[in-house]
Amino acid sequence: MNLFLQILLIVSSLLLILLVLLHRGRGGGLSSLFGGGMQSSLSGSSVVEKNLDRLTLFVGAIWVIAIVGIGLLQKVN
């Protein structure tokens, strides 16, 4: 179980770094390369940005769960 959580932590960490880098900053970002630059004037952000936000939050939650799980396993041992 400990090995699984450590692998999950590493994979989610790398994925979280990638997802954060894909977000658009003040002047545009890597997400505009994948269609995030085409925005409707009616909405504040595009569908791509909203989905990227949701995916980032989901991976962040997995990352936190893996950290808490590893901490609990180390406390028990």
PDB file of N, CA and C in Angstrom:
ATOM      1  N   MET A   1       0.814  -1.189   0.000  1.00  0.00           N
ATOM      2  CA  MET A   1       0.000   0.000   0.000  1.00  0.00           C
ATOM      3  C   MET A   1       0.861   1.259   0.000  1.00  0.00           C
ATOM      4  N   ASN A   2       1.950   1.203   0.771  1.00  0.00           N
ATOM      5  CA  ASN A   2       2.851   2.346   0.834  1.00  0.00           C
ATOM      6  C   ASN A   2       3.486   2.619  -0.525  1.00  0.00           C
ATOM      7  N   LEU A   3       3.889   1.554  -1.223  1.00  0.00           N
ATOM      8  CA  LEU A   3       4.495   1.714  -2.548  1.00  0.00           C
ATOM      9  C   LEU A   3       3.494   2.308  -3.533  1.00  0.00           C
ATOM     10  N   PHE A   4       2.248   1.846  -3.470  1.00  0.00           N
ATOM     11  CA  PHE A   4       1.206   2.374  -4.353  1.00  0.00           C
ATOM     12  C   PHE A   4       0.994   3.865  -4.112  1.00  0.00           C
ATOM     13  N   LEU A   5       0.944   4.278  -2.855  1.00  0.00           N
ATOM     14  CA  LEU A   5       0.744   5.692  -2.541  1.00  0.00           C
ATOM     15  C   LEU A   5       1.935   6.546  -2.963  1.00  0.00           C
ATOM     16  N   GLN A   6       3.137   6.002  -2.846  1.00  0.00           N
ATOM     17  CA  GLN A   6       4.315   6.749  -3.277  1.00  0.00           C
ATOM     18  C   GLN A   6       4.337   6.927  -4.786  1.00  0.00           C
ATOM     19  N   ILE A   7       3.976   5.885  -5.521  1.00  0.00           N
ATOM     20  CA  ILE A   7       3.903   5.992  -6.984  1.00  0.00           C
ATOM     21  C   ILE A   7       2.801   6.962  -7.385  1.00  0.00           C
ATOM     22  N   LEU A   8       1.652   6.890  -6.698  1.00  0.00           N
ATOM     23  CA  LEU A   8       0.549   7.810  -6.964  1.00  0.00           C
ATOM     24  C   LEU A   8       0.963   9.248  -6.689  1.00  0.00           C
ATOM     25  N   LEU A   9       1.736   9.456  -5.653  1.00  0.00           N
ATOM     26  CA  LEU A   9       2.205  10.797  -5.306  1.00  0.00           C
ATOM     27  C   LEU A   9       3.145  11.338  -6.384  1.00  0.00           C
ATOM     28  N   ILE A  10       4.044  10.527  -6.865  1.00  0.00           N
ATOM     29  CA  ILE A  10       4.990  10.970  -7.896  1.00  0.00           C
ATOM     30  C   ILE A  10       4.262  11.288  -9.193  1.00  0.00           C
ATOM     31  N   VAL A  11       3.368  10.404  -9.608  1.00  0.00           N
ATOM     32  CA  VAL A  11       2.639  10.619 -10.862  1.00  0.00           C
ATOM     33  C   VAL A  11       1.744  11.849 -10.758  1.00  0.00           C
ATOM     34  N   SER A  12       1.038  11.988  -9.643  1.00  0.00           N
ATOM     35  CA  SER A  12       0.159  13.145  -9.495  1.00  0.00           C
ATOM     36  C   SER A  12       0.952  14.443  -9.369  1.00  0.00           C
ATOM     37  N   SER A  13       2.129  14.396  -8.781  1.00  0.00           N
ATOM     38  CA  SER A  13       2.969  15.589  -8.689  1.00  0.00           C
ATOM     39  C   SER A  13       3.405  16.066 -10.066  1.00  0.00           C
ATOM     40  N   LEU A  14       3.859  15.136 -10.880  1.00  0.00           N
ATOM     41  CA  LEU A  14       4.288  15.503 -12.233  1.00  0.00           C
ATOM     42  C   LEU A  14       3.122  16.004 -13.073  1.00  0.00           C
ATOM     43  N   LEU A  15       1.979  15.354 -12.941  1.00  0.00           N
ATOM     44  CA  LEU A  15       0.795  15.771 -13.681  1.00  0.00           C
ATOM     45  C   LEU A  15       0.308  17.133 -13.212  1.00  0.00           C
ATOM     46  N   LEU A  16       0.398  17.391 -11.926  1.00  0.00           N
ATOM     47  CA  LEU A  16      -0.020  18.683 -11.376  1.00  0.00           C
ATOM     48  C   LEU A  16       0.892  19.799 -11.875  1.00  0.00           C
ATOM     49  N   ILE A  17       2.175  19.549 -11.961  1.00  0.00           N
ATOM     50  CA  ILE A  17       3.109  20.543 -12.499  1.00  0.00           C
ATOM     51  C   ILE A  17       2.755  20.858 -13.946  1.00  0.00           C
ATOM     52  N   LEU A  18       2.490  19.835 -14.728  1.00  0.00           N
ATOM     53  CA  LEU A  18       2.135  20.029 -16.129  1.00  0.00           C
ATOM     54  C   LEU A  18       0.838  20.819 -16.268  1.00  0.00           C
ATOM     55  N   LEU A  19      -0.157  20.482 -15.465  1.00  0.00           N
ATOM     56  CA  LEU A  19      -1.446  21.166 -15.553  1.00  0.00           C
ATOM     57  C   LEU A  19      -1.349  22.627 -15.131  1.00  0.00           C
ATOM     58  N   VAL A  20      -0.562  22.915 -14.117  1.00  0.00           N
ATOM     59  CA  VAL A  20      -0.394  24.300 -13.687  1.00  0.00           C
ATOM     60  C   VAL A  20       0.320  25.108 -14.772  1.00  0.00           C
ATOM     61  N   LEU A  21       1.283  24.499 -15.438  1.00  0.00           N
ATOM     62  CA  LEU A  21       1.977  25.205 -16.511  1.00  0.00           C
ATOM     63  C   LEU A  21       1.080  25.445 -17.719  1.00  0.00           C
ATOM     64  N   LEU A  22       0.057  24.639 -17.895  1.00  0.00           N
ATOM     65  CA  LEU A  22      -0.853  24.827 -19.012  1.00  0.00           C
ATOM     66  C   LEU A  22      -1.832  25.981 -18.799  1.00  0.00           C
ATOM     67  N   HIS A  23      -2.004  26.425 -17.557  1.00  0.00           N
ATOM     68  CA  HIS A  23      -2.932  27.512 -17.279  1.00  0.00           C
ATOM     69  C   HIS A  23      -2.448  28.810 -17.889  1.00  0.00           C
ATOM     70  N   ARG A  24      -3.414  29.624 -18.246  1.00  0.00           N
ATOM     71  CA  ARG A  24      -3.104  30.906 -18.849  1.00  0.00           C
ATOM     72  C   ARG A  24      -2.803  31.908 -17.756  1.00  0.00           C
ATOM     73  N   GLY A  25      -1.743  32.615 -17.923  1.00  0.00           N
ATOM     74  CA  GLY A  25      -1.391  33.664 -16.985  1.00  0.00           C
ATOM     75  C   GLY A  25      -1.979  34.988 -17.436  1.00  0.00           C
ATOM     76  N   ARG A  26      -1.326  36.053 -17.097  1.00  0.00           N
ATOM     77  CA  ARG A  26      -1.827  37.380 -17.465  1.00  0.00           C
ATOM     78  C   ARG A  26      -1.752  37.599 -18.972  1.00  0.00           C
ATOM     79  N   GLY A  27      -0.653  37.178 -19.576  1.00  0.00           N
ATOM     80  CA  GLY A  27      -0.464  37.459 -20.989  1.00  0.00           C
ATOM     81  C   GLY A  27      -0.707  36.275 -21.895  1.00  0.00           C
ATOM     82  N   GLY A  28      -1.337  35.227 -21.417  1.00  0.00           N
ATOM     83  CA  GLY A  28      -1.543  34.031 -22.229  1.00  0.00           C
ATOM     84  C   GLY A  28      -0.571  32.960 -21.787  1.00  0.00           C
ATOM     85  N   GLY A  29      -0.870  31.749 -22.096  1.00  0.00           N
ATOM     86  CA  GLY A  29      -0.013  30.662 -21.663  1.00  0.00           C
ATOM     87  C   GLY A  29      -0.019  29.520 -22.645  1.00  0.00           C
ATOM     88  N   LEU A  30       0.431  28.396 -22.179  1.00  0.00           N
ATOM     89  CA  LEU A  30       0.511  27.226 -23.044  1.00  0.00           C
ATOM     90  C   LEU A  30      -0.862  26.698 -23.422  1.00  0.00           C
ATOM     91  N   SER A  31      -1.887  27.022 -22.637  1.00  0.00           N
ATOM     92  CA  SER A  31      -3.227  26.530 -22.946  1.00  0.00           C
ATOM     93  C   SER A  31      -3.763  27.132 -24.237  1.00  0.00           C
ATOM     94  N   SER A  32      -3.248  28.280 -24.639  1.00  0.00           N
ATOM     95  CA  SER A  32      -3.703  28.881 -25.891  1.00  0.00           C
ATOM     96  C   SER A  32      -3.232  28.071 -27.098  1.00  0.00           C
ATOM     97  N   LEU A  33      -2.201  27.252 -26.910  1.00  0.00           N
ATOM     98  CA  LEU A  33      -1.751  26.387 -28.007  1.00  0.00           C
ATOM     99  C   LEU A  33      -2.756  25.296 -28.316  1.00  0.00           C
ATOM    100  N   PHE A  34      -3.562  24.922 -27.331  1.00  0.00           N
ATOM    101  CA  PHE A  34      -4.497  23.821 -27.489  1.00  0.00           C
ATOM    102  C   PHE A  34      -5.936  24.296 -27.614  1.00  0.00           C
ATOM    103  N   GLY A  35      -6.144  25.517 -28.086  1.00  0.00           N
ATOM    104  CA  GLY A  35      -7.495  26.004 -28.296  1.00  0.00           C
ATOM    105  C   GLY A  35      -8.036  26.861 -27.189  1.00  0.00           C
ATOM    106  N   GLY A  36      -7.260  27.128 -26.167  1.00  0.00           N
ATOM    107  CA  GLY A  36      -7.731  27.953 -25.068  1.00  0.00           C
ATOM    108  C   GLY A  36      -7.737  29.426 -25.389  1.00  0.00           C
ATOM    109  N   GLY A  37      -7.081  29.822 -26.478  1.00  0.00           N
ATOM    110  CA  GLY A  37      -7.011  31.224 -26.836  1.00  0.00           C
ATOM    111  C   GLY A  37      -8.256  31.735 -27.524  1.00  0.00           C
ATOM    112  N   MET A  38      -9.095  30.868 -28.014  1.00  0.00           N
ATOM    113  CA  MET A  38     -10.305  31.276 -28.711  1.00  0.00           C
ATOM    114  C   MET A  38     -11.434  31.399 -27.699  1.00  0.00           C
ATOM    115  N   GLN A  39     -11.686  32.620 -27.257  1.00  0.00           N
ATOM    116  CA  GLN A  39     -12.696  32.846 -26.233  1.00  0.00           C
ATOM    117  C   GLN A  39     -13.902  33.534 -26.829  1.00  0.00           C
ATOM    118  N   SER A  40     -15.023  33.255 -26.267  1.00  0.00           N
ATOM    119  CA  SER A  40     -16.239  33.978 -26.596  1.00  0.00           C
ATOM    120  C   SER A  40     -16.239  35.278 -25.812  1.00  0.00           C
ATOM    121  N   SER A  41     -16.755  36.327 -26.392  1.00  0.00           N
ATOM    122  CA  SER A  41     -16.763  37.612 -25.694  1.00  0.00           C
ATOM    123  C   SER A  41     -17.807  37.638 -24.591  1.00  0.00           C
ATOM    124  N   LEU A  42     -18.729  36.650 -24.569  1.00  0.00           N
ATOM    125  CA  LEU A  42     -19.777  36.629 -23.557  1.00  0.00           C
ATOM    126  C   LEU A  42     -19.327  35.990 -22.255  1.00  0.00           C
ATOM    127  N   SER A  43     -18.385  35.071 -22.322  1.00  0.00           N
ATOM    128  CA  SER A  43     -17.958  34.360 -21.112  1.00  0.00           C
ATOM    129  C   SER A  43     -16.593  34.855 -20.662  1.00  0.00           C
ATOM    130  N   GLY A  44     -16.322  34.693 -19.360  1.00  0.00           N
ATOM    131  CA  GLY A  44     -15.057  35.147 -18.815  1.00  0.00           C
ATOM    132  C   GLY A  44     -13.898  34.251 -19.186  1.00  0.00           C
ATOM    133  N   SER A  45     -14.162  32.954 -19.323  1.00  0.00           N
ATOM    134  CA  SER A  45     -13.104  32.032 -19.712  1.00  0.00           C
ATOM    135  C   SER A  45     -13.695  30.970 -20.630  1.00  0.00           C
ATOM    136  N   SER A  46     -12.834  30.327 -21.355  1.00  0.00           N
ATOM    137  CA  SER A  46     -13.284  29.357 -22.349  1.00  0.00           C
ATOM    138  C   SER A  46     -13.598  28.017 -21.689  1.00  0.00           C
ATOM    139  N   VAL A  47     -14.198  27.155 -22.447  1.00  0.00           N
ATOM    140  CA  VAL A  47     -14.532  25.810 -21.970  1.00  0.00           C
ATOM    141  C   VAL A  47     -13.255  25.039 -21.666  1.00  0.00           C
ATOM    142  N   VAL A  48     -12.230  25.272 -22.467  1.00  0.00           N
ATOM    143  CA  VAL A  48     -10.958  24.579 -22.246  1.00  0.00           C
ATOM    144  C   VAL A  48     -10.369  24.976 -20.900  1.00  0.00           C
ATOM    145  N   GLU A  49     -10.425  26.261 -20.581  1.00  0.00           N
ATOM    146  CA  GLU A  49      -9.894  26.728 -19.294  1.00  0.00           C
ATOM    147  C   GLU A  49     -10.701  26.163 -18.130  1.00  0.00           C
ATOM    148  N   LYS A  50     -12.013  26.100 -18.270  1.00  0.00           N
ATOM    149  CA  LYS A  50     -12.842  25.557 -17.192  1.00  0.00           C
ATOM    150  C   LYS A  50     -12.545  24.076 -16.979  1.00  0.00           C
ATOM    151  N   ASN A  51     -12.405  23.329 -18.058  1.00  0.00           N
ATOM    152  CA  ASN A  51     -12.074  21.909 -17.928  1.00  0.00           C
ATOM    153  C   ASN A  51     -10.673  21.718 -17.364  1.00  0.00           C
ATOM    154  N   LEU A  52      -9.751  22.590 -17.746  1.00  0.00           N
ATOM    155  CA  LEU A  52      -8.391  22.530 -17.207  1.00  0.00           C
ATOM    156  C   LEU A  52      -8.398  22.836 -15.711  1.00  0.00           C
ATOM    157  N   ASP A  53      -9.235  23.784 -15.295  1.00  0.00           N
ATOM    158  CA  ASP A  53      -9.374  24.083 -13.863  1.00  0.00           C
ATOM    159  C   ASP A  53      -9.906  22.879 -13.100  1.00  0.00           C
ATOM    160  N   ARG A  54     -10.943  22.245 -13.637  1.00  0.00           N
ATOM    161  CA  ARG A  54     -11.528  21.074 -12.971  1.00  0.00           C
ATOM    162  C   ARG A  54     -10.524  19.932 -12.873  1.00  0.00           C
ATOM    163  N   LEU A  55      -9.800  19.692 -13.953  1.00  0.00           N
ATOM    164  CA  LEU A  55      -8.814  18.608 -13.952  1.00  0.00           C
ATOM    165  C   LEU A  55      -7.686  18.900 -12.970  1.00  0.00           C
ATOM    166  N   THR A  56      -7.265  20.153 -12.894  1.00  0.00           N
ATOM    167  CA  THR A  56      -6.214  20.535 -11.954  1.00  0.00           C
ATOM    168  C   THR A  56      -6.674  20.337 -10.511  1.00  0.00           C
ATOM    169  N   LEU A  57      -7.907  20.717 -10.215  1.00  0.00           N
ATOM    170  CA  LEU A  57      -8.432  20.518  -8.862  1.00  0.00           C
ATOM    171  C   LEU A  57      -8.552  19.033  -8.522  1.00  0.00           C
ATOM    172  N   PHE A  58      -8.969  18.220  -9.487  1.00  0.00           N
ATOM    173  CA  PHE A  58      -9.091  16.785  -9.269  1.00  0.00           C
ATOM    174  C   PHE A  58      -7.728  16.151  -8.994  1.00  0.00           C
ATOM    175  N   VAL A  59      -6.736  16.491  -9.791  1.00  0.00           N
ATOM    176  CA  VAL A  59      -5.385  15.941  -9.584  1.00  0.00           C
ATOM    177  C   VAL A  59      -4.800  16.462  -8.276  1.00  0.00           C
ATOM    178  N   GLY A  60      -5.094  17.713  -7.933  1.00  0.00           N
ATOM    179  CA  GLY A  60      -4.640  18.262  -6.648  1.00  0.00           C
ATOM    180  C   GLY A  60      -5.248  17.523  -5.467  1.00  0.00           C
ATOM    181  N   ALA A  61      -6.524  17.150  -5.591  1.00  0.00           N
ATOM    182  CA  ALA A  61      -7.170  16.383  -4.524  1.00  0.00           C
ATOM    183  C   ALA A  61      -6.544  14.996  -4.378  1.00  0.00           C
ATOM    184  N   ILE A  62      -6.229  14.361  -5.500  1.00  0.00           N
ATOM    185  CA  ILE A  62      -5.553  13.056  -5.456  1.00  0.00           C
ATOM    186  C   ILE A  62      -4.186  13.204  -4.806  1.00  0.00           C
ATOM    187  N   TRP A  63      -3.482  14.289  -5.112  1.00  0.00           N
ATOM    188  CA  TRP A  63      -2.165  14.550  -4.539  1.00  0.00           C
ATOM    189  C   TRP A  63      -2.254  14.694  -3.019  1.00  0.00           C
ATOM    190  N   VAL A  64      -3.248  15.447  -2.547  1.00  0.00           N
ATOM    191  CA  VAL A  64      -3.427  15.644  -1.106  1.00  0.00           C
ATOM    192  C   VAL A  64      -3.793  14.325  -0.424  1.00  0.00           C
ATOM    193  N   ILE A  65      -4.675  13.544  -1.040  1.00  0.00           N
ATOM    194  CA  ILE A  65      -5.063  12.251  -0.476  1.00  0.00           C
ATOM    195  C   ILE A  65      -3.867  11.317  -0.369  1.00  0.00           C
ATOM    196  N   ALA A  66      -2.996  11.333  -1.387  1.00  0.00           N
ATOM    197  CA  ALA A  66      -1.797  10.488  -1.346  1.00  0.00           C
ATOM    198  C   ALA A  66      -0.862  10.923  -0.217  1.00  0.00           C
ATOM    199  N   ILE A  67      -0.717  12.218  -0.013  1.00  0.00           N
ATOM    200  CA  ILE A  67       0.158  12.713   1.058  1.00  0.00           C
ATOM    201  C   ILE A  67      -0.399  12.329   2.423  1.00  0.00           C
ATOM    202  N   VAL A  68      -1.713  12.516   2.607  1.00  0.00           N
ATOM    203  CA  VAL A  68      -2.329  12.163   3.888  1.00  0.00           C
ATOM    204  C   VAL A  68      -2.229  10.660   4.123  1.00  0.00           C
ATOM    205  N   GLY A  69      -2.428   9.868   3.083  1.00  0.00           N
ATOM    206  CA  GLY A  69      -2.322   8.411   3.212  1.00  0.00           C
ATOM    207  C   GLY A  69      -0.928   7.967   3.599  1.00  0.00           C
ATOM    208  N   ILE A  70       0.078   8.552   2.985  1.00  0.00           N
ATOM    209  CA  ILE A  70       1.464   8.205   3.323  1.00  0.00           C
ATOM    210  C   ILE A  70       1.756   8.617   4.770  1.00  0.00           C
ATOM    211  N   GLY A  71       1.283   9.799   5.155  1.00  0.00           N
ATOM    212  CA  GLY A  71       1.500  10.255   6.533  1.00  0.00           C
ATOM    213  C   GLY A  71       0.841   9.336   7.555  1.00  0.00           C
ATOM    214  N   LEU A  72      -0.377   8.891   7.258  1.00  0.00           N
ATOM    215  CA  LEU A  72      -1.059   7.989   8.175  1.00  0.00           C
ATOM    216  C   LEU A  72      -0.372   6.621   8.256  1.00  0.00           C
ATOM    217  N   LEU A  73       0.095   6.139   7.121  1.00  0.00           N
ATOM    218  CA  LEU A  73       0.808   4.843   7.131  1.00  0.00           C
ATOM    219  C   LEU A  73       2.110   4.941   7.915  1.00  0.00           C
ATOM    220  N   GLN A  74       2.815   6.063   7.800  1.00  0.00           N
ATOM    221  CA  GLN A  74       4.062   6.211   8.545  1.00  0.00           C
ATOM    222  C   GLN A  74       3.801   6.382  10.041  1.00  0.00           C
ATOM    223  N   LYS A  75       2.674   6.998  10.383  1.00  0.00           N
ATOM    224  CA  LYS A  75       2.342   7.166  11.786  1.00  0.00           C
ATOM    225  C   LYS A  75       1.992   5.825  12.427  1.00  0.00           C
ATOM    226  N   VAL A  76       1.324   4.953  11.695  1.00  0.00           N
ATOM    227  CA  VAL A  76       0.947   3.638  12.207  1.00  0.00           C
ATOM    228  C   VAL A  76       2.184   2.758  12.383  1.00  0.00           C
ATOM    229  N   ASN A  77       3.115   2.848  11.435  1.00  0.00           N
ATOM    230  CA  ASN A  77       4.316   2.016  11.502  1.00  0.00           C
ATOM    231  C   ASN A  77       5.233   2.606  12.489  1.00  0.00           C
TER     232      ASN A  77
END
